[in-house]
PDB file of N, CA and C in Angstrom:
ATOM      1  N   UNK A   1      48.031 126.688 102.625  1.00  0.00           N
ATOM      2  CA  UNK A   1      46.919 127.186 103.400  1.00  0.00           C
ATOM      3  C   UNK A   1      45.929 127.875 102.470  1.00  0.00           C
ATOM      4  N   UNK A   2      44.648 127.598 102.663  1.00  0.00           N
ATOM      5  CA  UNK A   2      43.596 128.282 101.914  1.00  0.00           C
ATOM      6  C   UNK A   2      43.464 129.687 102.472  1.00  0.00           C
ATOM      7  N   UNK A   3      43.302 130.662 101.617  1.00  0.00           N
ATOM      8  CA  UNK A   3      43.151 132.048 102.061  1.00  0.00           C
ATOM      9  C   UNK A   3      41.688 132.383 102.246  1.00  0.00           C
ATOM     10  N   UNK A   4      41.379 132.997 103.360  1.00  0.00           N
ATOM     11  CA  UNK A   4      40.028 133.473 103.642  1.00  0.00           C
ATOM     12  C   UNK A   4      39.881 134.839 103.003  1.00  0.00           C
ATOM     13  N   UNK A   5      39.003 134.952 102.012  1.00  0.00           N
ATOM     14  CA  UNK A   5      38.881 136.193 101.242  1.00  0.00           C
ATOM     15  C   UNK A   5      38.327 137.355 102.053  1.00  0.00           C
ATOM     16  N   UNK A   6      37.709 137.071 103.197  1.00  0.00           N
ATOM     17  CA  UNK A   6      37.164 138.140 104.027  1.00  0.00           C
ATOM     18  C   UNK A   6      38.154 138.677 105.053  1.00  0.00           C
ATOM     19  N   UNK A   7      39.393 138.198 105.008  1.00  0.00           N
ATOM     20  CA  UNK A   7      40.383 138.609 106.004  1.00  0.00           C
ATOM     21  C   UNK A   7      40.756 140.073 105.822  1.00  0.00           C
ATOM     22  N   UNK A   8      40.749 140.785 106.929  1.00  0.00           N
ATOM     23  CA  UNK A   8      41.106 142.197 106.912  1.00  0.00           C
ATOM     24  C   UNK A   8      42.508 142.438 107.479  1.00  0.00           C
ATOM     25  N   UNK A   9      43.018 141.456 108.214  1.00  0.00           N
ATOM     26  CA  UNK A   9      44.347 141.589 108.806  1.00  0.00           C
ATOM     27  C   UNK A   9      44.902 140.201 109.112  1.00  0.00           C
ATOM     28  N   UNK A  10      46.125 140.165 109.628  1.00  0.00           N
ATOM     29  CA  UNK A  10      46.797 138.896 109.900  1.00  0.00           C
ATOM     30  C   UNK A  10      46.046 138.059 110.936  1.00  0.00           C
ATOM     31  N   UNK A  11      45.402 138.707 111.901  1.00  0.00           N
ATOM     32  CA  UNK A  11      44.637 137.982 112.919  1.00  0.00           C
ATOM     33  C   UNK A  11      43.517 137.173 112.265  1.00  0.00           C
ATOM     34  N   UNK A  12      42.849 137.738 111.254  1.00  0.00           N
ATOM     35  CA  UNK A  12      41.799 137.010 110.554  1.00  0.00           C
ATOM     36  C   UNK A  12      42.360 135.774 109.863  1.00  0.00           C
ATOM     37  N   UNK A  13      43.558 135.866 109.271  1.00  0.00           N
ATOM     38  CA  UNK A  13      44.181 134.702 108.645  1.00  0.00           C
ATOM     39  C   UNK A  13      44.473 133.633 109.694  1.00  0.00           C
ATOM     40  N   UNK A  14      44.956 134.038 110.856  1.00  0.00           N
ATOM     41  CA  UNK A  14      45.249 133.096 111.935  1.00  0.00           C
ATOM     42  C   UNK A  14      43.971 132.418 112.390  1.00  0.00           C
ATOM     43  N   UNK A  15      42.909 133.196 112.607  1.00  0.00           N
ATOM     44  CA  UNK A  15      41.638 132.618 113.024  1.00  0.00           C
ATOM     45  C   UNK A  15      41.127 131.612 112.001  1.00  0.00           C
ATOM     46  N   UNK A  16      41.254 131.943 110.717  1.00  0.00           N
ATOM     47  CA  UNK A  16      40.795 131.044 109.667  1.00  0.00           C
ATOM     48  C   UNK A  16      41.600 129.748 109.680  1.00  0.00           C
ATOM     49  N   UNK A  17      42.899 129.852 109.890  1.00  0.00           N
ATOM     50  CA  UNK A  17      43.747 128.659 109.955  1.00  0.00           C
ATOM     51  C   UNK A  17      43.322 127.771 111.124  1.00  0.00           C
ATOM     52  N   UNK A  18      43.018 128.381 112.264  1.00  0.00           N
ATOM     53  CA  UNK A  18      42.555 127.619 113.416  1.00  0.00           C
ATOM     54  C   UNK A  18      41.239 126.920 113.106  1.00  0.00           C
ATOM     55  N   UNK A  19      40.333 127.606 112.418  1.00  0.00           N
ATOM     56  CA  UNK A  19      39.055 127.007 112.065  1.00  0.00           C
ATOM     57  C   UNK A  19      39.233 125.831 111.108  1.00  0.00           C
ATOM     58  N   UNK A  20      40.204 125.938 110.206  1.00  0.00           N
ATOM     59  CA  UNK A  20      40.457 124.818 109.294  1.00  0.00           C
ATOM     60  C   UNK A  20      40.821 123.568 110.087  1.00  0.00           C
ATOM     61  N   UNK A  21      41.626 123.733 111.125  1.00  0.00           N
ATOM     62  CA  UNK A  21      42.030 122.602 111.954  1.00  0.00           C
ATOM     63  C   UNK A  21      40.818 122.054 112.708  1.00  0.00           C
ATOM     64  N   UNK A  22      40.057 122.931 113.327  1.00  0.00           N
ATOM     65  CA  UNK A  22      38.889 122.513 114.101  1.00  0.00           C
ATOM     66  C   UNK A  22      37.900 121.763 113.215  1.00  0.00           C
ATOM     67  N   UNK A  23      37.657 122.294 112.038  1.00  0.00           N
ATOM     68  CA  UNK A  23      36.603 121.743 111.183  1.00  0.00           C
ATOM     69  C   UNK A  23      37.013 120.488 110.443  1.00  0.00           C
ATOM     70  N   UNK A  24      38.276 120.144 110.471  1.00  0.00           N
ATOM     71  CA  UNK A  24      38.686 118.894 109.851  1.00  0.00           C
ATOM     72  C   UNK A  24      38.889 117.803 110.906  1.00  0.00           C
ATOM     73  N   UNK A  25      38.796 118.174 112.172  1.00  0.00           N
ATOM     74  CA  UNK A  25      38.923 117.181 113.238  1.00  0.00           C
ATOM     75  C   UNK A  25      37.634 116.377 113.331  1.00  0.00           C
ATOM     76  N   UNK A  26      37.747 115.065 113.453  1.00  0.00           N
ATOM     77  CA  UNK A  26      36.533 114.250 113.548  1.00  0.00           C
ATOM     78  C   UNK A  26      35.866 114.416 114.904  1.00  0.00           C
ATOM     79  N   UNK A  27      34.565 114.247 114.935  1.00  0.00           N
ATOM     80  CA  UNK A  27      33.833 114.219 116.192  1.00  0.00           C
ATOM     81  C   UNK A  27      33.769 112.778 116.660  1.00  0.00           C
ATOM     82  N   UNK A  28      33.987 112.572 117.934  1.00  0.00           N
ATOM     83  CA  UNK A  28      33.942 111.227 118.473  1.00  0.00           C
ATOM     84  C   UNK A  28      32.601 110.938 119.148  1.00  0.00           C
ATOM     85  N   UNK A  29      31.683 111.857 119.015  1.00  0.00           N
ATOM     86  CA  UNK A  29      30.360 111.690 119.594  1.00  0.00           C
ATOM     87  C   UNK A  29      29.334 111.541 118.480  1.00  0.00           C
ATOM     88  N   UNK A  30      28.637 110.422 118.415  1.00  0.00           N
ATOM     89  CA  UNK A  30      27.642 110.228 117.363  1.00  0.00           C
ATOM     90  C   UNK A  30      26.586 111.336 117.394  1.00  0.00           C
ATOM     91  N   UNK A  31      26.212 111.806 116.238  1.00  0.00           N
ATOM     92  CA  UNK A  31      25.162 112.814 116.145  1.00  0.00           C
ATOM     93  C   UNK A  31      25.626 114.238 116.337  1.00  0.00           C
ATOM     94  N   UNK A  32      26.926 114.447 116.559  1.00  0.00           N
ATOM     95  CA  UNK A  32      27.449 115.794 116.758  1.00  0.00           C
ATOM     96  C   UNK A  32      28.355 116.144 115.582  1.00  0.00           C
ATOM     97  N   UNK A  33      28.171 117.332 115.051  1.00  0.00           N
ATOM     98  CA  UNK A  33      29.006 117.824 113.953  1.00  0.00           C
ATOM     99  C   UNK A  33      29.522 119.207 114.318  1.00  0.00           C
ATOM    100  N   UNK A  34      30.552 119.632 113.618  1.00  0.00           N
ATOM    101  CA  UNK A  34      31.090 120.974 113.773  1.00  0.00           C
ATOM    102  C   UNK A  34      30.918 121.678 112.430  1.00  0.00           C
ATOM    103  N   UNK A  35      30.370 122.869 112.452  1.00  0.00           N
ATOM    104  CA  UNK A  35      30.208 123.664 111.244  1.00  0.00           C
ATOM    105  C   UNK A  35      30.749 125.062 111.487  1.00  0.00           C
ATOM    106  N   UNK A  36      31.047 125.773 110.418  1.00  0.00           N
ATOM    107  CA  UNK A  36      31.591 127.130 110.533  1.00  0.00           C
ATOM    108  C   UNK A  36      30.530 128.150 110.135  1.00  0.00           C
ATOM    109  N   UNK A  37      30.319 129.114 111.015  1.00  0.00           N
ATOM    110  CA  UNK A  37      29.519 130.280 110.677  1.00  0.00           C
ATOM    111  C   UNK A  37      30.460 131.140 109.847  1.00  0.00           C
ATOM    112  N   UNK A  38      30.250 131.174 108.537  1.00  0.00           N
ATOM    113  CA  UNK A  38      31.241 131.709 107.607  1.00  0.00           C
ATOM    114  C   UNK A  38      31.034 133.167 107.220  1.00  0.00           C
ATOM    115  N   UNK A  39      29.864 133.722 107.440  1.00  0.00           N
ATOM    116  CA  UNK A  39      29.595 135.095 107.024  1.00  0.00           C
ATOM    117  C   UNK A  39      28.756 135.801 108.079  1.00  0.00           C
ATOM    118  N   UNK A  40      29.347 136.040 109.255  1.00  0.00           N
ATOM    119  CA  UNK A  40      28.578 136.642 110.343  1.00  0.00           C
ATOM    120  C   UNK A  40      28.163 138.078 110.023  1.00  0.00           C
ATOM    121  N   UNK A  41      27.162 138.609 110.704  1.00  0.00           N
ATOM    122  CA  UNK A  41      26.444 137.973 111.808  1.00  0.00           C
ATOM    123  C   UNK A  41      25.423 136.959 111.314  1.00  0.00           C
ATOM    124  N   UNK A  42      25.246 135.916 112.108  1.00  0.00           N
ATOM    125  CA  UNK A  42      24.238 134.887 111.866  1.00  0.00           C
ATOM    126  C   UNK A  42      23.468 134.701 113.165  1.00  0.00           C
ATOM    127  N   UNK A  43      22.188 134.440 113.031  1.00  0.00           N
ATOM    128  CA  UNK A  43      21.319 134.412 114.212  1.00  0.00           C
ATOM    129  C   UNK A  43      20.957 133.004 114.645  1.00  0.00           C
ATOM    130  N   UNK A  44      20.983 132.818 115.961  1.00  0.00           N
ATOM    131  CA  UNK A  44      20.488 131.593 116.576  1.00  0.00           C
ATOM    132  C   UNK A  44      19.073 131.913 117.035  1.00  0.00           C
ATOM    133  N   UNK A  45      18.142 131.076 116.641  1.00  0.00           N
ATOM    134  CA  UNK A  45      16.733 131.303 116.968  1.00  0.00           C
ATOM    135  C   UNK A  45      16.221 130.202 117.886  1.00  0.00           C
ATOM    136  N   UNK A  46      15.194 130.516 118.655  1.00  0.00           N
ATOM    137  CA  UNK A  46      14.591 129.549 119.570  1.00  0.00           C
ATOM    138  C   UNK A  46      13.959 128.396 118.799  1.00  0.00           C
ATOM    139  N   UNK A  47      13.366 128.690 117.648  1.00  0.00           N
ATOM    140  CA  UNK A  47      12.737 127.693 116.780  1.00  0.00           C
ATOM    141  C   UNK A  47      12.870 128.182 115.342  1.00  0.00           C
ATOM    142  N   UNK A  48      12.631 127.328 114.339  1.00  0.00           N
ATOM    143  CA  UNK A  48      12.740 127.778 112.953  1.00  0.00           C
ATOM    144  C   UNK A  48      11.879 129.018 112.685  1.00  0.00           C
ATOM    145  N   UNK A  49      12.531 130.053 112.138  1.00  0.00           N
ATOM    146  CA  UNK A  49      11.899 131.353 111.876  1.00  0.00           C
ATOM    147  C   UNK A  49      11.345 132.009 113.135  1.00  0.00           C
ATOM    148  N   UNK A  50      11.793 131.542 114.300  1.00  0.00           N
ATOM    149  CA  UNK A  50      11.296 132.050 115.575  1.00  0.00           C
ATOM    150  C   UNK A  50      12.107 133.225 116.101  1.00  0.00           C
ATOM    151  N   UNK A  51      11.901 133.493 117.368  1.00  0.00           N
ATOM    152  CA  UNK A  51      12.556 134.604 118.056  1.00  0.00           C
ATOM    153  C   UNK A  51      14.076 134.413 118.069  1.00  0.00           C
ATOM    154  N   UNK A  52      14.801 135.499 117.756  1.00  0.00           N
ATOM    155  CA  UNK A  52      16.272 135.480 117.811  1.00  0.00           C
ATOM    156  C   UNK A  52      16.694 135.478 119.274  1.00  0.00           C
ATOM    157  N   UNK A  53      17.559 134.516 119.633  1.00  0.00           N
ATOM    158  CA  UNK A  53      18.038 134.470 121.017  1.00  0.00           C
ATOM    159  C   UNK A  53      19.473 134.970 121.152  1.00  0.00           C
ATOM    160  N   UNK A  54      20.236 134.962 120.056  1.00  0.00           N
ATOM    161  CA  UNK A  54      21.564 135.559 120.077  1.00  0.00           C
ATOM    162  C   UNK A  54      22.112 135.638 118.661  1.00  0.00           C
ATOM    163  N   UNK A  55      23.220 136.327 118.509  1.00  0.00           N
ATOM    164  CA  UNK A  55      23.881 136.460 117.211  1.00  0.00           C
ATOM    165  C   UNK A  55      25.310 135.961 117.321  1.00  0.00           C
ATOM    166  N   UNK A  56      25.746 135.211 116.321  1.00  0.00           N
ATOM    167  CA  UNK A  56      27.151 134.828 116.199  1.00  0.00           C
ATOM    168  C   UNK A  56      27.777 135.932 115.364  1.00  0.00           C
ATOM    169  N   UNK A  57      28.677 136.699 115.971  1.00  0.00           N
ATOM    170  CA  UNK A  57      29.181 137.914 115.343  1.00  0.00           C
ATOM    171  C   UNK A  57      30.565 137.787 114.730  1.00  0.00           C
ATOM    172  N   UNK A  58      31.164 136.591 114.842  1.00  0.00           N
ATOM    173  CA  UNK A  58      32.493 136.410 114.271  1.00  0.00           C
ATOM    174  C   UNK A  58      32.579 135.062 113.567  1.00  0.00           C
ATOM    175  N   UNK A  59      33.538 134.966 112.656  1.00  0.00           N
ATOM    176  CA  UNK A  59      33.822 133.705 111.987  1.00  0.00           C
ATOM    177  C   UNK A  59      34.220 132.709 113.067  1.00  0.00           C
ATOM    178  N   UNK A  60      33.456 131.634 113.225  1.00  0.00           N
ATOM    179  CA  UNK A  60      33.766 130.660 114.268  1.00  0.00           C
ATOM    180  C   UNK A  60      33.112 129.327 113.988  1.00  0.00           C
ATOM    181  N   UNK A  61      33.641 128.312 114.621  1.00  0.00           N
ATOM    182  CA  UNK A  61      33.071 126.973 114.549  1.00  0.00           C
ATOM    183  C   UNK A  61      32.050 126.816 115.665  1.00  0.00           C
ATOM    184  N   UNK A  62      30.946 126.139 115.348  1.00  0.00           N
ATOM    185  CA  UNK A  62      29.939 125.858 116.369  1.00  0.00           C
ATOM    186  C   UNK A  62      29.564 124.382 116.316  1.00  0.00           C
ATOM    187  N   UNK A  63      29.117 123.885 117.445  1.00  0.00           N
ATOM    188  CA  UNK A  63      28.644 122.507 117.535  1.00  0.00           C
ATOM    189  C   UNK A  63      27.212 122.439 117.026  1.00  0.00           C
ATOM    190  N   UNK A  64      26.919 121.377 116.293  1.00  0.00           N
ATOM    191  CA  UNK A  64      25.571 121.128 115.784  1.00  0.00           C
ATOM    192  C   UNK A  64      25.183 119.719 116.211  1.00  0.00           C
ATOM    193  N   UNK A  65      23.961 119.576 116.698  1.00  0.00           N
ATOM    194  CA  UNK A  65      23.528 118.240 117.108  1.00  0.00           C
ATOM    195  C   UNK A  65      22.015 118.128 116.976  1.00  0.00           C
ATOM    196  N   UNK A  66      21.534 116.942 116.935  1.00  0.00           N
ATOM    197  CA  UNK A  66      20.092 116.731 116.893  1.00  0.00           C
ATOM    198  C   UNK A  66      19.491 116.748 115.510  1.00  0.00           C
ATOM    199  N   UNK A  67      20.311 116.769 114.477  1.00  0.00           N
ATOM    200  CA  UNK A  67      19.783 116.662 113.123  1.00  0.00           C
ATOM    201  C   UNK A  67      19.382 117.974 112.491  1.00  0.00           C
ATOM    202  N   UNK A  68      18.541 117.857 111.468  1.00  0.00           N
ATOM    203  CA  UNK A  68      18.121 118.993 110.673  1.00  0.00           C
ATOM    204  C   UNK A  68      16.617 118.889 110.435  1.00  0.00           C
ATOM    205  N   UNK A  69      15.928 120.014 110.439  1.00  0.00           N
ATOM    206  CA  UNK A  69      14.493 120.018 110.167  1.00  0.00           C
ATOM    207  C   UNK A  69      14.270 119.899 108.653  1.00  0.00           C
ATOM    208  N   UNK A  70      13.069 119.545 108.222  1.00  0.00           N
ATOM    209  CA  UNK A  70      12.799 119.430 106.781  1.00  0.00           C
ATOM    210  C   UNK A  70      13.051 120.725 106.003  1.00  0.00           C
ATOM    211  N   UNK A  71      12.928 121.865 106.668  1.00  0.00           N
ATOM    212  CA  UNK A  71      13.154 123.136 105.972  1.00  0.00           C
ATOM    213  C   UNK A  71      14.547 123.717 106.204  1.00  0.00           C
ATOM    214  N   UNK A  72      15.495 122.905 106.689  1.00  0.00           N
ATOM    215  CA  UNK A  72      16.898 123.299 106.698  1.00  0.00           C
ATOM    216  C   UNK A  72      17.442 123.961 107.950  1.00  0.00           C
ATOM    217  N   UNK A  73      16.827 123.774 109.087  1.00  0.00           N
ATOM    218  CA  UNK A  73      17.328 124.341 110.343  1.00  0.00           C
ATOM    219  C   UNK A  73      18.099 123.281 111.108  1.00  0.00           C
ATOM    220  N   UNK A  74      19.287 123.663 111.597  1.00  0.00           N
ATOM    221  CA  UNK A  74      20.167 122.765 112.346  1.00  0.00           C
ATOM    222  C   UNK A  74      20.118 123.115 113.830  1.00  0.00           C
ATOM    223  N   UNK A  75      20.064 122.102 114.667  1.00  0.00           N
ATOM    224  CA  UNK A  75      20.028 122.317 116.109  1.00  0.00           C
ATOM    225  C   UNK A  75      21.443 122.531 116.649  1.00  0.00           C
ATOM    226  N   UNK A  76      21.575 123.474 117.583  1.00  0.00           N
ATOM    227  CA  UNK A  76      22.864 123.781 118.203  1.00  0.00           C
ATOM    228  C   UNK A  76      22.660 124.074 119.689  1.00  0.00           C
ATOM    229  N   UNK A  77      23.625 123.693 120.538  1.00  0.00           N
ATOM    230  CA  UNK A  77      23.508 124.002 121.956  1.00  0.00           C
ATOM    231  C   UNK A  77      23.980 125.416 122.323  1.00  0.00           C
ATOM    232  N   UNK A  78      24.569 126.163 121.364  1.00  0.00           N
ATOM    233  CA  UNK A  78      25.063 127.486 121.746  1.00  0.00           C
ATOM    234  C   UNK A  78      23.888 128.413 122.081  1.00  0.00           C
ATOM    235  N   UNK A  79      24.174 129.402 122.866  1.00  0.00           N
ATOM    236  CA  UNK A  79      23.173 130.370 123.345  1.00  0.00           C
ATOM    237  C   UNK A  79      22.075 129.692 124.155  1.00  0.00           C
ATOM    238  N   UNK A  80      22.396 128.589 124.784  1.00  0.00           N
ATOM    239  CA  UNK A  80      21.408 127.888 125.585  1.00  0.00           C
ATOM    240  C   UNK A  80      20.551 126.916 124.792  1.00  0.00           C
ATOM    241  N   UNK A  81      20.806 126.803 123.501  1.00  0.00           N
ATOM    242  CA  UNK A  81      20.076 125.868 122.647  1.00  0.00           C
ATOM    243  C   UNK A  81      19.119 126.570 121.712  1.00  0.00           C
ATOM    244  N   UNK A  82      19.239 126.259 120.435  1.00  0.00           N
ATOM    245  CA  UNK A  82      18.374 126.846 119.430  1.00  0.00           C
ATOM    246  C   UNK A  82      18.671 126.253 118.071  1.00  0.00           C
ATOM    247  N   UNK A  83      18.334 126.996 117.028  1.00  0.00           N
ATOM    248  CA  UNK A  83      18.563 126.534 115.661  1.00  0.00           C
ATOM    249  C   UNK A  83      19.223 127.630 114.836  1.00  0.00           C
ATOM    250  N   UNK A  84      19.955 127.199 113.808  1.00  0.00           N
ATOM    251  CA  UNK A  84      20.571 128.106 112.845  1.00  0.00           C
ATOM    252  C   UNK A  84      20.282 127.522 111.469  1.00  0.00           C
ATOM    253  N   UNK A  85      20.029 128.385 110.489  1.00  0.00           N
ATOM    254  CA  UNK A  85      19.693 127.866 109.163  1.00  0.00           C
ATOM    255  C   UNK A  85      20.939 127.346 108.457  1.00  0.00           C
ATOM    256  N   UNK A  86      20.767 126.279 107.675  1.00  0.00           N
ATOM    257  CA  UNK A  86      21.893 125.626 106.989  1.00  0.00           C
ATOM    258  C   UNK A  86      22.618 126.572 106.033  1.00  0.00           C
ATOM    259  N   UNK A  87      21.955 127.616 105.561  1.00  0.00           N
ATOM    260  CA  UNK A  87      22.603 128.574 104.641  1.00  0.00           C
ATOM    261  C   UNK A  87      23.679 129.392 105.340  1.00  0.00           C
ATOM    262  N   UNK A  88      23.714 129.371 106.666  1.00  0.00           N
ATOM    263  CA  UNK A  88      24.675 130.138 107.448  1.00  0.00           C
ATOM    264  C   UNK A  88      25.897 129.323 107.862  1.00  0.00           C
ATOM    265  N   UNK A  89      25.910 128.045 107.518  1.00  0.00           N
ATOM    266  CA  UNK A  89      26.938 127.103 107.991  1.00  0.00           C
ATOM    267  C   UNK A  89      27.661 126.480 106.813  1.00  0.00           C
ATOM    268  N   UNK A  90      28.969 126.284 106.966  1.00  0.00           N
ATOM    269  CA  UNK A  90      29.752 125.523 105.991  1.00  0.00           C
ATOM    270  C   UNK A  90      30.425 124.372 106.717  1.00  0.00           C
ATOM    271  N   UNK A  91      30.511 123.250 106.006  1.00  0.00           N
ATOM    272  CA  UNK A  91      31.193 122.068 106.517  1.00  0.00           C
ATOM    273  C   UNK A  91      32.376 121.790 105.607  1.00  0.00           C
ATOM    274  N   UNK A  92      33.395 121.120 106.149  1.00  0.00           N
ATOM    275  CA  UNK A  92      34.552 120.769 105.337  1.00  0.00           C
ATOM    276  C   UNK A  92      34.206 119.617 104.424  1.00  0.00           C
TER     277      UNK A  92
END
């Protein structure tokens, strides 16, 4: 098992192990990917550099769909739909 260097307790190790499983599972829907918000908090915005609509406050996997903008913003349906910058996401 890969160790998550940000783990503060055993629960964090368990969560990281679960994310490893989630993020290595293939998506069966074309155009949909799963990425990990690896260093929260990370913000979901209505549009690139736009108004913040919510914050992802924990290490977690999120769905990404609809591609990427030329300046690196990924579309996601979380928080009712918005974008997150690619620098906030890791893929396996």
